[in-house]
Amino acid sequence: MTQEVTVPEFHPEPWVSQAACRTLDTRMFFPEQGKPAGPAKAVCRGCEVREECLAFAMRGPERFGIFGGLSEKERRRIRIGMRAAT
């Protein structure tokens, strides 16, 4: 007997339709370790929803990749700084 698997429906954030990266290959924003993130960050620099993207990643679900122009390490430093300030 096979078990049916339910895949959750994907509902993108409203700002995603305005993101500069919306038509690009998402692999650019998840560079392999040691590979440059500069091309992805350059796209983010010119994005009108950069702040929304960064806020989305900082809220929790995105542990890897470039979001809002910052890498996971850069976002981690911000989180640590925020905890230290409280």
PDB file of N, CA and C in Angstrom:
ATOM      1  N   MET A   1       0.848  -1.178   0.000  1.00  0.00           N
ATOM      2  CA  MET A   1       0.000   0.000   0.000  1.00  0.00           C
ATOM      3  C   MET A   1       0.895   1.243   0.000  1.00  0.00           C
ATOM      4  N   THR A   2       0.668   2.159  -0.919  1.00  0.00           N
ATOM      5  CA  THR A   2       1.469   3.379  -0.982  1.00  0.00           C
ATOM      6  C   THR A   2       0.812   4.477  -0.163  1.00  0.00           C
ATOM      7  N   GLN A   3       1.656   5.278   0.432  1.00  0.00           N
ATOM      8  CA  GLN A   3       1.170   6.380   1.258  1.00  0.00           C
ATOM      9  C   GLN A   3       1.182   7.655   0.430  1.00  0.00           C
ATOM     10  N   GLU A   4       0.087   8.400   0.488  1.00  0.00           N
ATOM     11  CA  GLU A   4      -0.004   9.648  -0.259  1.00  0.00           C
ATOM     12  C   GLU A   4       0.766  10.733   0.484  1.00  0.00           C
ATOM     13  N   VAL A   5       1.567  11.477  -0.255  1.00  0.00           N
ATOM     14  CA  VAL A   5       2.355  12.567   0.319  1.00  0.00           C
ATOM     15  C   VAL A   5       1.721  13.882  -0.098  1.00  0.00           C
ATOM     16  N   THR A   6       1.501  14.738   0.872  1.00  0.00           N
ATOM     17  CA  THR A   6       0.938  16.055   0.583  1.00  0.00           C
ATOM     18  C   THR A   6       2.057  17.080   0.612  1.00  0.00           C
ATOM     19  N   VAL A   7       2.206  17.791  -0.484  1.00  0.00           N
ATOM     20  CA  VAL A   7       3.218  18.831  -0.585  1.00  0.00           C
ATOM     21  C   VAL A   7       2.539  20.156  -0.251  1.00  0.00           C
ATOM     22  N   PRO A   8       3.100  20.896   0.706  1.00  0.00           N
ATOM     23  CA  PRO A   8       2.465  22.170   1.045  1.00  0.00           C
ATOM     24  C   PRO A   8       2.490  23.136  -0.129  1.00  0.00           C
ATOM     25  N   GLU A   9       1.444  23.926  -0.251  1.00  0.00           N
ATOM     26  CA  GLU A   9       1.365  24.916  -1.308  1.00  0.00           C
ATOM     27  C   GLU A   9       2.324  26.061  -1.010  1.00  0.00           C
ATOM     28  N   PHE A  10       3.010  26.517  -2.025  1.00  0.00           N
ATOM     29  CA  PHE A  10       3.964  27.609  -1.854  1.00  0.00           C
ATOM     30  C   PHE A  10       3.244  28.932  -2.065  1.00  0.00           C
ATOM     31  N   HIS A  11       3.321  29.807  -1.075  1.00  0.00           N
ATOM     32  CA  HIS A  11       2.741  31.142  -1.164  1.00  0.00           C
ATOM     33  C   HIS A  11       3.856  32.154  -0.969  1.00  0.00           C
ATOM     34  N   PRO A  12       4.378  32.720  -2.054  1.00  0.00           N
ATOM     35  CA  PRO A  12       5.477  33.674  -1.909  1.00  0.00           C
ATOM     36  C   PRO A  12       5.027  34.949  -1.199  1.00  0.00           C
ATOM     37  N   GLU A  13       5.974  35.586  -0.581  1.00  0.00           N
ATOM     38  CA  GLU A  13       5.720  36.875   0.058  1.00  0.00           C
ATOM     39  C   GLU A  13       5.272  37.862  -1.021  1.00  0.00           C
ATOM     40  N   PRO A  14       4.412  38.834  -0.674  1.00  0.00           N
ATOM     41  CA  PRO A  14       3.908  39.787  -1.685  1.00  0.00           C
ATOM     42  C   PRO A  14       5.008  40.545  -2.421  1.00  0.00           C
ATOM     43  N   TRP A  15       6.106  40.849  -1.754  1.00  0.00           N
ATOM     44  CA  TRP A  15       7.165  41.644  -2.368  1.00  0.00           C
ATOM     45  C   TRP A  15       7.965  40.871  -3.406  1.00  0.00           C
ATOM     46  N   VAL A  16       7.856  39.558  -3.433  1.00  0.00           N
ATOM     47  CA  VAL A  16       8.668  38.737  -4.341  1.00  0.00           C
ATOM     48  C   VAL A  16       8.443  39.120  -5.806  1.00  0.00           C
ATOM     49  N   SER A  17       7.231  39.523  -6.149  1.00  0.00           N
ATOM     50  CA  SER A  17       6.947  39.872  -7.545  1.00  0.00           C
ATOM     51  C   SER A  17       7.704  41.121  -7.997  1.00  0.00           C
ATOM     52  N   GLN A  18       8.260  41.896  -7.059  1.00  0.00           N
ATOM     53  CA  GLN A  18       9.023  43.098  -7.394  1.00  0.00           C
ATOM     54  C   GLN A  18      10.528  42.882  -7.253  1.00  0.00           C
ATOM     55  N   ALA A  19      10.943  41.715  -6.826  1.00  0.00           N
ATOM     56  CA  ALA A  19      12.358  41.449  -6.567  1.00  0.00           C
ATOM     57  C   ALA A  19      13.172  41.432  -7.858  1.00  0.00           C
ATOM     58  N   ALA A  20      14.346  42.000  -7.797  1.00  0.00           N
ATOM     59  CA  ALA A  20      15.245  42.038  -8.957  1.00  0.00           C
ATOM     60  C   ALA A  20      15.674  40.637  -9.381  1.00  0.00           C
ATOM     61  N   CYS A  21      15.632  39.692  -8.465  1.00  0.00           N
ATOM     62  CA  CYS A  21      16.091  38.330  -8.739  1.00  0.00           C
ATOM     63  C   CYS A  21      14.994  37.411  -9.256  1.00  0.00           C
ATOM     64  N   ARG A  22      13.781  37.888  -9.367  1.00  0.00           N
ATOM     65  CA  ARG A  22      12.634  37.016  -9.642  1.00  0.00           C
ATOM     66  C   ARG A  22      12.763  36.211 -10.931  1.00  0.00           C
ATOM     67  N   THR A  23      13.524  36.689 -11.904  1.00  0.00           N
ATOM     68  CA  THR A  23      13.653  35.963 -13.166  1.00  0.00           C
ATOM     69  C   THR A  23      15.025  35.306 -13.332  1.00  0.00           C
ATOM     70  N   LEU A  24      15.858  35.406 -12.304  1.00  0.00           N
ATOM     71  CA  LEU A  24      17.215  34.860 -12.395  1.00  0.00           C
ATOM     72  C   LEU A  24      17.279  33.435 -11.848  1.00  0.00           C
ATOM     73  N   ASP A  25      18.322  32.739 -12.215  1.00  0.00           N
ATOM     74  CA  ASP A  25      18.569  31.389 -11.704  1.00  0.00           C
ATOM     75  C   ASP A  25      18.880  31.480 -10.212  1.00  0.00           C
ATOM     76  N   THR A  26      18.089  30.847  -9.387  1.00  0.00           N
ATOM     77  CA  THR A  26      18.258  30.947  -7.934  1.00  0.00           C
ATOM     78  C   THR A  26      19.584  30.378  -7.448  1.00  0.00           C
ATOM     79  N   ARG A  27      20.217  29.528  -8.242  1.00  0.00           N
ATOM     80  CA  ARG A  27      21.516  28.968  -7.826  1.00  0.00           C
ATOM     81  C   ARG A  27      22.553  30.062  -7.595  1.00  0.00           C
ATOM     82  N   MET A  28      22.392  31.201  -8.281  1.00  0.00           N
ATOM     83  CA  MET A  28      23.318  32.320  -8.108  1.00  0.00           C
ATOM     84  C   MET A  28      23.335  32.785  -6.649  1.00  0.00           C
ATOM     85  N   PHE A  29      22.213  32.666  -5.970  1.00  0.00           N
ATOM     86  CA  PHE A  29      22.070  33.177  -4.611  1.00  0.00           C
ATOM     87  C   PHE A  29      22.422  32.137  -3.543  1.00  0.00           C
ATOM     88  N   PHE A  30      22.859  30.969  -3.991  1.00  0.00           N
ATOM     89  CA  PHE A  30      23.303  29.908  -3.098  1.00  0.00           C
ATOM     90  C   PHE A  30      24.656  29.377  -3.582  1.00  0.00           C
ATOM     91  N   PRO A  31      25.679  30.257  -3.589  1.00  0.00           N
ATOM     92  CA  PRO A  31      26.984  29.832  -4.112  1.00  0.00           C
ATOM     93  C   PRO A  31      27.603  28.744  -3.233  1.00  0.00           C
ATOM     94  N   GLU A  32      28.331  27.861  -3.871  1.00  0.00           N
ATOM     95  CA  GLU A  32      29.035  26.814  -3.134  1.00  0.00           C
ATOM     96  C   GLU A  32      30.074  27.459  -2.228  1.00  0.00           C
ATOM     97  N   GLN A  33      30.404  26.761  -1.161  1.00  0.00           N
ATOM     98  CA  GLN A  33      31.385  27.289  -0.210  1.00  0.00           C
ATOM     99  C   GLN A  33      32.684  27.606  -0.942  1.00  0.00           C
ATOM    100  N   GLY A  34      33.196  28.793  -0.691  1.00  0.00           N
ATOM    101  CA  GLY A  34      34.430  29.236  -1.328  1.00  0.00           C
ATOM    102  C   GLY A  34      34.224  29.952  -2.650  1.00  0.00           C
ATOM    103  N   LYS A  35      33.018  29.903  -3.185  1.00  0.00           N
ATOM    104  CA  LYS A  35      32.717  30.588  -4.447  1.00  0.00           C
ATOM    105  C   LYS A  35      32.252  32.010  -4.135  1.00  0.00           C
ATOM    106  N   PRO A  36      32.501  32.954  -5.052  1.00  0.00           N
ATOM    107  CA  PRO A  36      32.137  34.351  -4.780  1.00  0.00           C
ATOM    108  C   PRO A  36      30.627  34.578  -4.758  1.00  0.00           C
ATOM    109  N   ALA A  37      30.213  35.434  -3.837  1.00  0.00           N
ATOM    110  CA  ALA A  37      28.805  35.813  -3.727  1.00  0.00           C
ATOM    111  C   ALA A  37      28.565  37.177  -4.366  1.00  0.00           C
ATOM    112  N   GLY A  38      29.633  37.766  -4.895  1.00  0.00           N
ATOM    113  CA  GLY A  38      29.557  39.104  -5.472  1.00  0.00           C
ATOM    114  C   GLY A  38      28.477  39.295  -6.526  1.00  0.00           C
ATOM    115  N   PRO A  39      28.325  38.374  -7.473  1.00  0.00           N
ATOM    116  CA  PRO A  39      27.281  38.565  -8.490  1.00  0.00           C
ATOM    117  C   PRO A  39      25.871  38.646  -7.878  1.00  0.00           C
ATOM    118  N   ALA A  40      25.584  37.818  -6.908  1.00  0.00           N
ATOM    119  CA  ALA A  40      24.267  37.851  -6.252  1.00  0.00           C
ATOM    120  C   ALA A  40      24.098  39.148  -5.475  1.00  0.00           C
ATOM    121  N   LYS A  41      25.131  39.541  -4.752  1.00  0.00           N
ATOM    122  CA  LYS A  41      25.057  40.771  -3.960  1.00  0.00           C
ATOM    123  C   LYS A  41      24.885  41.993  -4.856  1.00  0.00           C
ATOM    124  N   ALA A  42      25.451  41.962  -6.058  1.00  0.00           N
ATOM    125  CA  ALA A  42      25.297  43.071  -7.003  1.00  0.00           C
ATOM    126  C   ALA A  42      23.838  43.200  -7.436  1.00  0.00           C
ATOM    127  N   VAL A  43      23.164  42.087  -7.639  1.00  0.00           N
ATOM    128  CA  VAL A  43      21.743  42.115  -7.986  1.00  0.00           C
ATOM    129  C   VAL A  43      20.961  42.728  -6.827  1.00  0.00           C
ATOM    130  N   CYS A  44      21.281  42.328  -5.623  1.00  0.00           N
ATOM    131  CA  CYS A  44      20.578  42.828  -4.430  1.00  0.00           C
ATOM    132  C   CYS A  44      20.760  44.335  -4.247  1.00  0.00           C
ATOM    133  N   ARG A  45      21.946  44.826  -4.556  1.00  0.00           N
ATOM    134  CA  ARG A  45      22.212  46.262  -4.363  1.00  0.00           C
ATOM    135  C   ARG A  45      21.218  47.130  -5.121  1.00  0.00           C
ATOM    136  N   GLY A  46      20.790  46.686  -6.269  1.00  0.00           N
ATOM    137  CA  GLY A  46      19.865  47.470  -7.072  1.00  0.00           C
ATOM    138  C   GLY A  46      18.402  47.084  -6.900  1.00  0.00           C
ATOM    139  N   CYS A  47      18.099  46.273  -5.912  1.00  0.00           N
ATOM    140  CA  CYS A  47      16.736  45.762  -5.745  1.00  0.00           C
ATOM    141  C   CYS A  47      15.884  46.684  -4.877  1.00  0.00           C
ATOM    142  N   GLU A  48      14.677  46.958  -5.342  1.00  0.00           N
ATOM    143  CA  GLU A  48      13.785  47.853  -4.603  1.00  0.00           C
ATOM    144  C   GLU A  48      13.141  47.206  -3.376  1.00  0.00           C
ATOM    145  N   VAL A  49      13.211  45.893  -3.268  1.00  0.00           N
ATOM    146  CA  VAL A  49      12.618  45.222  -2.094  1.00  0.00           C
ATOM    147  C   VAL A  49      13.692  44.529  -1.245  1.00  0.00           C
ATOM    148  N   ARG A  50      14.883  45.059  -1.293  1.00  0.00           N
ATOM    149  CA  ARG A  50      16.009  44.486  -0.557  1.00  0.00           C
ATOM    150  C   ARG A  50      15.722  44.390   0.948  1.00  0.00           C
ATOM    151  N   GLU A  51      15.165  45.440   1.523  1.00  0.00           N
ATOM    152  CA  GLU A  51      14.885  45.435   2.961  1.00  0.00           C
ATOM    153  C   GLU A  51      13.869  44.371   3.333  1.00  0.00           C
ATOM    154  N   GLU A  52      12.832  44.211   2.512  1.00  0.00           N
ATOM    155  CA  GLU A  52      11.819  43.194   2.772  1.00  0.00           C
ATOM    156  C   GLU A  52      12.416  41.792   2.702  1.00  0.00           C
ATOM    157  N   CYS A  53      13.285  41.594   1.734  1.00  0.00           N
ATOM    158  CA  CYS A  53      13.954  40.305   1.558  1.00  0.00           C
ATOM    159  C   CYS A  53      14.830  39.981   2.768  1.00  0.00           C
ATOM    160  N   LEU A  54      15.589  40.959   3.208  1.00  0.00           N
ATOM    161  CA  LEU A  54      16.446  40.756   4.375  1.00  0.00           C
ATOM    162  C   LEU A  54      15.604  40.485   5.617  1.00  0.00           C
ATOM    163  N   ALA A  55      14.535  41.237   5.799  1.00  0.00           N
ATOM    164  CA  ALA A  55      13.656  41.025   6.955  1.00  0.00           C
ATOM    165  C   ALA A  55      13.073  39.616   6.926  1.00  0.00           C
ATOM    166  N   PHE A  56      12.691  39.130   5.748  1.00  0.00           N
ATOM    167  CA  PHE A  56      12.164  37.773   5.581  1.00  0.00           C
ATOM    168  C   PHE A  56      13.190  36.748   6.059  1.00  0.00           C
ATOM    169  N   ALA A  57      14.427  36.913   5.598  1.00  0.00           N
ATOM    170  CA  ALA A  57      15.484  35.965   5.978  1.00  0.00           C
ATOM    171  C   ALA A  57      15.807  36.053   7.465  1.00  0.00           C
ATOM    172  N   MET A  58      15.756  37.243   8.022  1.00  0.00           N
ATOM    173  CA  MET A  58      16.076  37.427   9.447  1.00  0.00           C
ATOM    174  C   MET A  58      14.984  36.867  10.348  1.00  0.00           C
ATOM    175  N   ARG A  59      13.755  36.780   9.852  1.00  0.00           N
ATOM    176  CA  ARG A  59      12.664  36.219  10.658  1.00  0.00           C
ATOM    177  C   ARG A  59      12.843  34.733  10.895  1.00  0.00           C
ATOM    178  N   GLY A  60      13.655  34.085  10.080  1.00  0.00           N
ATOM    179  CA  GLY A  60      13.918  32.715  10.424  1.00  0.00           C
ATOM    180  C   GLY A  60      14.055  31.651   9.378  1.00  0.00           C
ATOM    181  N   PRO A  61      13.233  31.607   8.338  1.00  0.00           N
ATOM    182  CA  PRO A  61      13.258  30.397   7.533  1.00  0.00           C
ATOM    183  C   PRO A  61      14.490  30.218   6.655  1.00  0.00           C
ATOM    184  N   GLU A  62      15.218  31.276   6.357  1.00  0.00           N
ATOM    185  CA  GLU A  62      16.333  31.157   5.421  1.00  0.00           C
ATOM    186  C   GLU A  62      17.677  31.149   6.136  1.00  0.00           C
ATOM    187  N   ARG A  63      18.254  29.979   6.283  1.00  0.00           N
ATOM    188  CA  ARG A  63      19.541  29.855   6.962  1.00  0.00           C
ATOM    189  C   ARG A  63      20.712  29.924   6.000  1.00  0.00           C
ATOM    190  N   PHE A  64      20.479  29.711   4.724  1.00  0.00           N
ATOM    191  CA  PHE A  64      21.553  29.670   3.742  1.00  0.00           C
ATOM    192  C   PHE A  64      21.247  30.615   2.589  1.00  0.00           C
ATOM    193  N   GLY A  65      22.281  31.021   1.881  1.00  0.00           N
ATOM    194  CA  GLY A  65      22.099  31.829   0.683  1.00  0.00           C
ATOM    195  C   GLY A  65      22.187  33.319   0.933  1.00  0.00           C
ATOM    196  N   ILE A  66      22.083  34.061  -0.160  1.00  0.00           N
ATOM    197  CA  ILE A  66      22.136  35.522  -0.138  1.00  0.00           C
ATOM    198  C   ILE A  66      20.705  36.038  -0.142  1.00  0.00           C
ATOM    199  N   PHE A  67      20.362  36.800   0.860  1.00  0.00           N
ATOM    200  CA  PHE A  67      19.039  37.419   0.971  1.00  0.00           C
ATOM    201  C   PHE A  67      19.233  38.860   1.398  1.00  0.00           C
ATOM    202  N   GLY A  68      18.589  39.773   0.710  1.00  0.00           N
ATOM    203  CA  GLY A  68      18.727  41.184   1.046  1.00  0.00           C
ATOM    204  C   GLY A  68      20.156  41.677   0.930  1.00  0.00           C
ATOM    205  N   GLY A  69      20.956  40.992   0.135  1.00  0.00           N
ATOM    206  CA  GLY A  69      22.339  41.399  -0.077  1.00  0.00           C
ATOM    207  C   GLY A  69      23.323  40.891   0.957  1.00  0.00           C
ATOM    208  N   LEU A  70      22.857  40.065   1.896  1.00  0.00           N
ATOM    209  CA  LEU A  70      23.748  39.558   2.944  1.00  0.00           C
ATOM    210  C   LEU A  70      23.823  38.037   2.910  1.00  0.00           C
ATOM    211  N   SER A  71      25.004  37.535   3.235  1.00  0.00           N
ATOM    212  CA  SER A  71      25.210  36.093   3.314  1.00  0.00           C
ATOM    213  C   SER A  71      24.707  35.568   4.657  1.00  0.00           C
ATOM    214  N   GLU A  72      24.686  34.272   4.798  1.00  0.00           N
ATOM    215  CA  GLU A  72      24.270  33.678   6.074  1.00  0.00           C
ATOM    216  C   GLU A  72      25.191  34.107   7.217  1.00  0.00           C
ATOM    217  N   LYS A  73      26.483  34.222   6.962  1.00  0.00           N
ATOM    218  CA  LYS A  73      27.421  34.666   8.001  1.00  0.00           C
ATOM    219  C   LYS A  73      27.133  36.101   8.426  1.00  0.00           C
ATOM    220  N   GLU A  74      26.861  36.954   7.448  1.00  0.00           N
ATOM    221  CA  GLU A  74      26.567  38.355   7.758  1.00  0.00           C
ATOM    222  C   GLU A  74      25.269  38.484   8.549  1.00  0.00           C
ATOM    223  N   ARG A  75      24.267  37.700   8.174  1.00  0.00           N
ATOM    224  CA  ARG A  75      23.003  37.726   8.922  1.00  0.00           C
ATOM    225  C   ARG A  75      23.187  37.179  10.335  1.00  0.00           C
ATOM    226  N   ARG A  76      24.014  36.156  10.471  1.00  0.00           N
ATOM    227  CA  ARG A  76      24.288  35.585  11.794  1.00  0.00           C
ATOM    228  C   ARG A  76      24.940  36.630  12.700  1.00  0.00           C
ATOM    229  N   ARG A  77      25.885  37.405  12.154  1.00  0.00           N
ATOM    230  CA  ARG A  77      26.528  38.469  12.946  1.00  0.00           C
ATOM    231  C   ARG A  77      25.510  39.494  13.430  1.00  0.00           C
ATOM    232  N   ILE A  78      24.562  39.831  12.574  1.00  0.00           N
ATOM    233  CA  ILE A  78      23.515  40.784  12.972  1.00  0.00           C
ATOM    234  C   ILE A  78      22.674  40.193  14.094  1.00  0.00           C
ATOM    235  N   ARG A  79      22.299  38.933  13.958  1.00  0.00           N
ATOM    236  CA  ARG A  79      21.484  38.279  15.009  1.00  0.00           C
ATOM    237  C   ARG A  79      22.232  38.269  16.339  1.00  0.00           C
ATOM    238  N   ILE A  80      23.506  37.933  16.290  1.00  0.00           N
ATOM    239  CA  ILE A  80      24.305  37.900  17.521  1.00  0.00           C
ATOM    240  C   ILE A  80      24.382  39.290  18.132  1.00  0.00           C
ATOM    241  N   GLY A  81      24.595  40.295  17.311  1.00  0.00           N
ATOM    242  CA  GLY A  81      24.637  41.666  17.789  1.00  0.00           C
ATOM    243  C   GLY A  81      23.313  42.105  18.396  1.00  0.00           C
ATOM    244  N   MET A  82      22.206  41.661  17.813  1.00  0.00           N
ATOM    245  CA  MET A  82      20.885  42.008  18.329  1.00  0.00           C
ATOM    246  C   MET A  82      20.664  41.348  19.693  1.00  0.00           C
ATOM    247  N   ARG A  83      21.098  40.108  19.834  1.00  0.00           N
ATOM    248  CA  ARG A  83      20.950  39.414  21.128  1.00  0.00           C
ATOM    249  C   ARG A  83      21.805  40.070  22.192  1.00  0.00           C
ATOM    250  N   ALA A  84      23.006  40.480  21.807  1.00  0.00           N
ATOM    251  CA  ALA A  84      23.919  41.093  22.763  1.00  0.00           C
ATOM    252  C   ALA A  84      23.395  42.461  23.236  1.00  0.00           C
ATOM    253  N   ALA A  85      22.645  43.129  22.364  1.00  0.00           N
ATOM    254  CA  ALA A  85      22.122  44.453  22.703  1.00  0.00           C
ATOM    255  C   ALA A  85      20.919  44.395  23.651  1.00  0.00           C
ATOM    256  N   THR A  86      20.320  43.208  23.796  1.00  0.00           N
ATOM    257  CA  THR A  86      19.133  43.104  24.667  1.00  0.00           C
ATOM    258  C   THR A  86      19.494  42.677  26.067  1.00  0.00           C
TER     259      THR A  86
END
